[in-house]
């Protein structure tokens, strides 16, 4: 697990976007897993800038989003499908046929989840997965206690998640209680994972999943098992880490590591 500490949200967003851009430039038909919420907004803004100003080409990129509220139609202003088109897809040259977002209005959710898993497999698997983290340590909608072997499925949302997400709705009563989500096991199969987190309210949970034990009650701690996970934190989110000096030393001496590895 590589931990990158940044000064602020802007730097965190640029580094996260840079990881995605590097992947797309290396492999133009990359399969990218995407997240929603307030954290990745800056990352998407930077990707749009890179597309418009530096020609970052998304025409062959295939995307799979992590999750969607069950019961919300794609055009609903709080659906994750709507979020992705408003904040990224309509501003870049992605082929709409290459965009995959779980559908909240399917008749048979279990059948859809199986189909979604097969589509990821058909695409060759996810090359890079972008993640955020919930205040209780969940990734995607894999609430505390989720199996590390779980696949795409319907998940009942925790009270804390409903409360956290109520800021996007007119009232907490409008927040759906169920969602379709990629499982922890699905996420861990991505070849590379980039998790971004910002804000003081994420400091405690970031310290727990990075430096604490692997614990299914903090599903993000499963990333300790991943061979290529990059964690990008702003100053506030990293404030409770105990090994900040070490992480900064690694960042400042990457050139030495590359030299020894012959890269």
Protein backbone atom coordinates (compact mmCIF):
# COMPACT_ATOMS: atom_id res chain seq x y z
CA UNK A 1 0.00 0.00 0.00
CA UNK A 2 1.47 3.32 -1.10
CA UNK A 3 0.29 6.28 0.98
CA UNK A 4 0.60 9.74 -0.62
CA UNK A 5 0.08 12.72 1.67
CA UNK A 6 -0.95 16.00 0.04
CA UNK A 7 -1.43 19.53 1.31
CA UNK A 8 -5.05 20.01 0.29
CA UNK A 9 -8.04 18.77 -1.68
CA UNK A 10 -6.79 20.32 -4.91
CA UNK A 11 -3.46 18.49 -4.79
CA UNK A 12 -5.20 15.27 -3.78
CA UNK A 13 -7.51 15.57 -6.79
CA UNK A 14 -4.69 16.27 -9.23
CA UNK A 15 -2.66 13.28 -8.05
CA UNK A 16 -5.68 10.97 -8.23
CA UNK A 17 -6.52 12.23 -11.72
CA UNK A 18 -2.87 11.84 -12.70
CA UNK A 19 -2.97 8.15 -11.79
CA UNK A 20 -5.99 7.64 -14.04
CA UNK A 21 -4.49 9.72 -16.86
CA UNK A 22 -1.26 7.73 -16.71
CA UNK A 23 -3.22 4.49 -17.02
CA UNK A 24 -5.25 5.75 -20.00
CA UNK A 25 -2.16 7.03 -21.82
CA UNK A 26 -0.37 3.72 -21.25
CA UNK A 27 -3.39 1.67 -22.36
CA UNK A 28 -5.96 3.68 -24.40
CA UNK A 29 -8.62 0.96 -24.02
CA UNK A 30 -8.22 0.74 -20.26
CA UNK A 31 -11.09 -0.48 -18.10
CA UNK A 32 -11.56 2.10 -15.34
CA UNK A 33 -13.72 1.66 -12.25
CA UNK A 34 -15.30 4.91 -11.06
CA UNK A 35 -16.76 6.25 -7.82
CA UNK A 36 -19.30 8.91 -6.91
CA UNK A 37 -19.75 11.28 -3.98
CA UNK A 38 -18.16 14.62 -3.18
CA UNK A 39 -14.56 13.36 -2.93
CA UNK A 40 -13.99 12.49 -6.63
CA UNK A 41 -15.51 15.73 -7.97
CA UNK A 42 -12.10 17.42 -8.06
CA UNK A 43 -10.57 14.35 -9.71
CA UNK A 44 -13.19 14.45 -12.46
CA UNK A 45 -12.73 18.19 -12.91
CA UNK A 46 -9.01 17.61 -13.46
CA UNK A 47 -9.66 14.77 -15.91
CA UNK A 48 -11.94 17.08 -17.89
CA UNK A 49 -9.18 19.70 -17.96
CA UNK A 50 -6.64 17.11 -19.11
CA UNK A 51 -9.00 16.07 -21.90
CA UNK A 52 -9.76 19.60 -23.09
CA UNK A 53 -6.33 21.15 -22.66
CA UNK A 54 -3.92 18.23 -23.06
CA UNK A 55 -5.87 15.91 -25.33
CA UNK A 56 -6.38 13.03 -22.91
CA UNK A 57 -8.36 10.59 -25.05
CA UNK A 58 -11.22 8.60 -23.55
CA UNK A 59 -12.66 7.32 -26.83
CA UNK A 60 -11.63 3.70 -26.20
CA UNK A 61 -11.90 3.69 -22.41
CA UNK A 62 -14.46 1.38 -20.79
CA UNK A 63 -15.91 2.34 -17.40
CA UNK A 64 -17.72 0.50 -14.63
CA UNK A 65 -19.20 2.40 -11.73
CA UNK A 66 -19.15 0.97 -8.24
CA UNK A 67 -22.77 1.33 -7.26
CA UNK A 68 -26.24 2.80 -7.64
CA UNK A 69 -29.25 3.35 -5.39
CA UNK A 70 -31.92 0.71 -5.84
CA UNK A 71 -35.19 2.32 -6.86
CA UNK A 72 -33.83 5.47 -8.52
CA UNK A 73 -34.25 5.82 -12.31
CA UNK A 74 -31.14 6.84 -14.32
CA UNK A 75 -32.47 10.37 -14.91
CA UNK A 76 -33.13 11.06 -11.21
CA UNK A 77 -30.95 14.00 -10.17
CA UNK A 78 -29.56 12.04 -7.20
CA UNK A 79 -28.88 8.83 -9.13
CA UNK A 80 -25.24 7.95 -9.67
CA UNK A 81 -25.90 7.61 -13.39
CA UNK A 82 -26.99 11.27 -13.48
CA UNK A 83 -24.02 12.26 -11.31
CA UNK A 84 -21.50 10.65 -13.66
CA UNK A 85 -22.90 12.21 -16.80
CA UNK A 86 -23.15 15.66 -15.22
CA UNK A 87 -19.71 15.62 -13.64
CA UNK A 88 -17.60 13.67 -16.13
CA UNK A 89 -19.00 11.76 -19.10
CA UNK A 90 -20.70 14.58 -21.01
CA UNK A 91 -17.53 16.67 -20.82
CA UNK A 92 -15.14 14.09 -22.36
CA UNK A 93 -15.10 12.02 -25.55
CA UNK A 94 -16.16 8.72 -24.03
CA UNK A 95 -18.28 6.33 -26.09
CA UNK A 96 -21.66 6.00 -24.30
CA UNK A 97 -21.70 2.30 -25.22
CA UNK A 98 -18.57 1.85 -23.08
CA UNK A 99 -20.18 3.33 -19.96
CA UNK A 100 -21.54 0.94 -17.34
CA UNK A 101 -23.43 2.14 -14.28
CA UNK A 102 -25.56 -0.25 -12.19
CA UNK A 103 -29.26 0.25 -12.89
CA UNK A 104 -31.52 1.00 -9.95
CA UNK A 105 -34.81 0.15 -11.68
CA UNK A 106 -34.14 -3.41 -12.84
CA UNK A 107 -36.89 -6.00 -12.41
CA UNK A 108 -34.53 -8.74 -11.22
CA UNK A 109 -31.67 -7.18 -9.23
CA UNK A 110 -29.96 -10.51 -8.54
CA UNK A 111 -29.88 -11.36 -12.25
CA UNK A 112 -28.57 -7.88 -13.04
CA UNK A 113 -25.74 -8.24 -10.51
CA UNK A 114 -24.65 -11.49 -12.13
CA UNK A 115 -24.76 -9.80 -15.54
CA UNK A 116 -22.65 -6.87 -14.26
CA UNK A 117 -19.97 -9.23 -12.99
CA UNK A 118 -19.91 -11.01 -16.36
CA UNK A 119 -19.59 -7.68 -18.21
CA UNK A 120 -16.53 -6.77 -16.12
CA UNK A 121 -15.03 -10.16 -16.90
CA UNK A 122 -15.89 -9.81 -20.61
CA UNK A 123 -14.09 -6.45 -20.68
CA UNK A 124 -10.94 -8.11 -19.36
CA UNK A 125 -11.24 -6.99 -15.74
CA UNK A 126 -10.71 -3.57 -14.22
CA UNK A 127 -7.29 -2.03 -14.81
CA UNK A 128 -7.68 0.81 -12.29
CA UNK A 129 -10.39 1.30 -9.69
CA UNK A 130 -11.02 4.71 -8.11
CA UNK A 131 -12.47 4.63 -4.59
CA UNK A 132 -13.65 6.97 -1.89
CA UNK A 133 -14.31 5.94 1.71
CA UNK A 134 -17.33 6.32 3.95
CA UNK A 135 -17.11 7.75 7.45
CA UNK A 136 -17.54 4.21 8.84
CA UNK A 137 -14.80 2.81 6.61
CA UNK A 138 -16.91 1.32 3.83
CA UNK A 139 -15.84 1.22 0.18
CA UNK A 140 -18.55 1.36 -2.50
CA UNK A 141 -21.64 0.35 -0.50
CA UNK A 142 -19.88 -2.51 1.27
CA UNK A 143 -21.05 -1.66 4.76
CA UNK A 144 -19.23 -2.82 7.93
CA UNK A 145 -19.23 -6.61 8.15
CA UNK A 146 -19.24 -7.17 4.39
CA UNK A 147 -17.37 -10.27 3.28
CA UNK A 148 -14.00 -9.64 1.68
CA UNK A 149 -15.02 -12.23 -0.91
CA UNK A 150 -18.32 -10.52 -1.77
CA UNK A 151 -19.39 -9.88 -5.37
CA UNK A 152 -21.76 -7.37 -6.97
CA UNK A 153 -25.04 -7.61 -5.07
CA UNK A 154 -27.86 -5.71 -3.36
CA UNK A 155 -26.80 -4.25 -0.03
CA UNK A 156 -28.90 -2.76 2.79
CA UNK A 157 -27.45 0.61 3.78
CA UNK A 158 -26.38 1.40 7.33
CA UNK A 159 -28.09 4.21 9.24
CA UNK A 160 -24.79 6.14 9.23
CA UNK A 161 -24.52 5.90 5.44
CA UNK A 162 -28.11 7.07 5.00
CA UNK A 163 -27.44 10.00 7.31
CA UNK A 164 -24.16 10.90 5.55
CA UNK A 165 -25.82 10.82 2.11
CA UNK A 166 -28.91 12.74 3.18
CA UNK A 167 -27.05 15.99 2.40
CA UNK A 168 -27.58 15.24 -1.29
CA UNK A 169 -31.37 14.85 -0.88
CA UNK A 170 -34.14 17.23 0.22
CA UNK A 171 -34.60 15.17 3.38
CA UNK A 172 -33.27 12.01 4.99
CA UNK A 173 -36.61 10.34 4.25
CA UNK A 174 -35.82 10.46 0.52
CA UNK A 175 -32.54 8.51 0.80
CA UNK A 176 -32.94 4.95 -0.54
CA UNK A 177 -32.19 2.17 1.94
CA UNK A 178 -30.84 -0.29 -0.63
CA UNK A 179 -28.20 -0.17 -3.33
CA UNK A 180 -26.53 -2.33 -5.95
CA UNK A 181 -22.81 -2.38 -5.27
CA UNK A 182 -19.65 -4.08 -6.44
CA UNK A 183 -18.44 -6.43 -3.73
CA UNK A 184 -15.15 -6.19 -1.86
CA UNK A 185 -13.94 -9.24 -3.76
CA UNK A 186 -14.82 -7.60 -7.07
CA UNK A 187 -12.92 -4.46 -6.11
CA UNK A 188 -9.85 -6.38 -4.98
CA UNK A 189 -9.58 -7.98 -8.41
CA UNK A 190 -8.77 -4.60 -10.01
CA UNK A 191 -5.13 -4.52 -11.10
CA UNK A 192 -4.59 -1.16 -9.41
CA UNK A 193 -6.65 0.71 -6.84
CA UNK A 194 -6.57 4.44 -6.07
CA UNK A 195 -8.43 5.56 -2.94
CA UNK A 196 -8.79 9.29 -2.31
CA UNK A 197 -9.97 10.80 0.98
CA UNK A 198 -10.20 14.34 2.31
CA UNK A 199 -11.42 16.16 5.35
CA UNK A 200 -10.97 15.92 9.10
CA UNK A 201 -14.08 13.73 9.40
CA UNK A 202 -12.20 10.98 7.52
CA UNK A 203 -9.01 11.19 9.62
CA UNK A 204 -9.87 8.53 12.20
CA UNK A 205 -11.17 5.97 9.72
CA UNK A 206 -8.18 6.54 7.40
CA UNK A 207 -5.78 5.84 10.27
CA UNK A 208 -7.74 2.69 11.11
CA UNK A 209 -7.82 1.20 7.63
CA UNK A 210 -4.22 2.11 6.75
CA UNK A 211 -2.42 1.42 10.04
CA UNK A 212 -4.88 -0.73 11.97
CA UNK A 213 -5.60 -4.44 11.65
CA UNK A 214 -7.48 -5.93 8.72
CA UNK A 215 -11.07 -5.92 9.93
CA UNK A 216 -14.31 -6.63 8.08
CA UNK A 217 -15.92 -3.89 10.19
CA UNK A 218 -13.69 -1.44 8.28
CA UNK A 219 -14.07 -2.78 4.76
CA UNK A 220 -11.43 -0.41 3.34
CA UNK A 221 -8.84 -2.31 5.41
CA UNK A 222 -9.15 -5.07 2.78
CA UNK A 223 -6.92 -2.85 0.62
CA UNK A 224 -4.00 -3.93 2.81
CA UNK A 225 -4.31 -7.24 0.95
CA UNK A 226 -4.01 -5.63 -2.48
CA UNK A 227 -0.62 -5.70 -4.28
CA UNK A 228 -1.00 -2.27 -5.87
CA UNK A 229 -3.16 0.11 -3.83
CA UNK A 230 -2.41 3.85 -3.79
CA UNK A 231 -3.97 5.94 -1.00
CA UNK A 232 -4.10 9.71 -1.58
CA UNK A 233 -5.01 11.87 1.42
CA UNK A 234 -5.21 15.58 2.03
CA UNK A 235 -3.62 17.04 5.16
CA UNK A 236 -6.81 16.87 7.22
CA UNK A 237 -7.57 13.23 6.36
CA UNK A 238 -3.99 12.20 7.21
CA UNK A 239 -3.88 14.04 10.55
CA UNK A 240 -4.20 10.91 12.73
CA UNK A 241 -1.66 8.73 10.91
CA UNK A 242 1.28 7.67 13.07
CA UNK A 243 3.76 6.98 10.25
CA UNK A 244 3.51 10.23 8.30
CA UNK A 245 7.27 10.77 8.41
CA UNK A 246 7.83 7.41 6.70
CA UNK A 247 5.20 8.03 4.02
CA UNK A 248 6.74 11.40 3.23
CA UNK A 249 10.22 9.87 3.04
CA UNK A 250 8.98 7.32 0.49
CA UNK A 251 7.36 10.10 -1.55
CA UNK A 252 10.48 12.25 -1.53
CA UNK A 253 12.83 9.38 -2.39
CA UNK A 254 10.90 7.57 -5.10
CA UNK A 255 13.75 8.24 -7.51
CA UNK A 256 16.01 6.07 -5.36
CA UNK A 257 13.53 3.19 -5.47
CA UNK A 258 13.26 3.46 -9.25
CA UNK A 259 17.07 3.51 -9.52
CA UNK A 260 17.46 0.30 -7.52
CA UNK A 261 14.69 -1.37 -9.53
CA UNK A 262 16.30 -0.28 -12.78
CA UNK A 263 13.25 1.74 -13.93
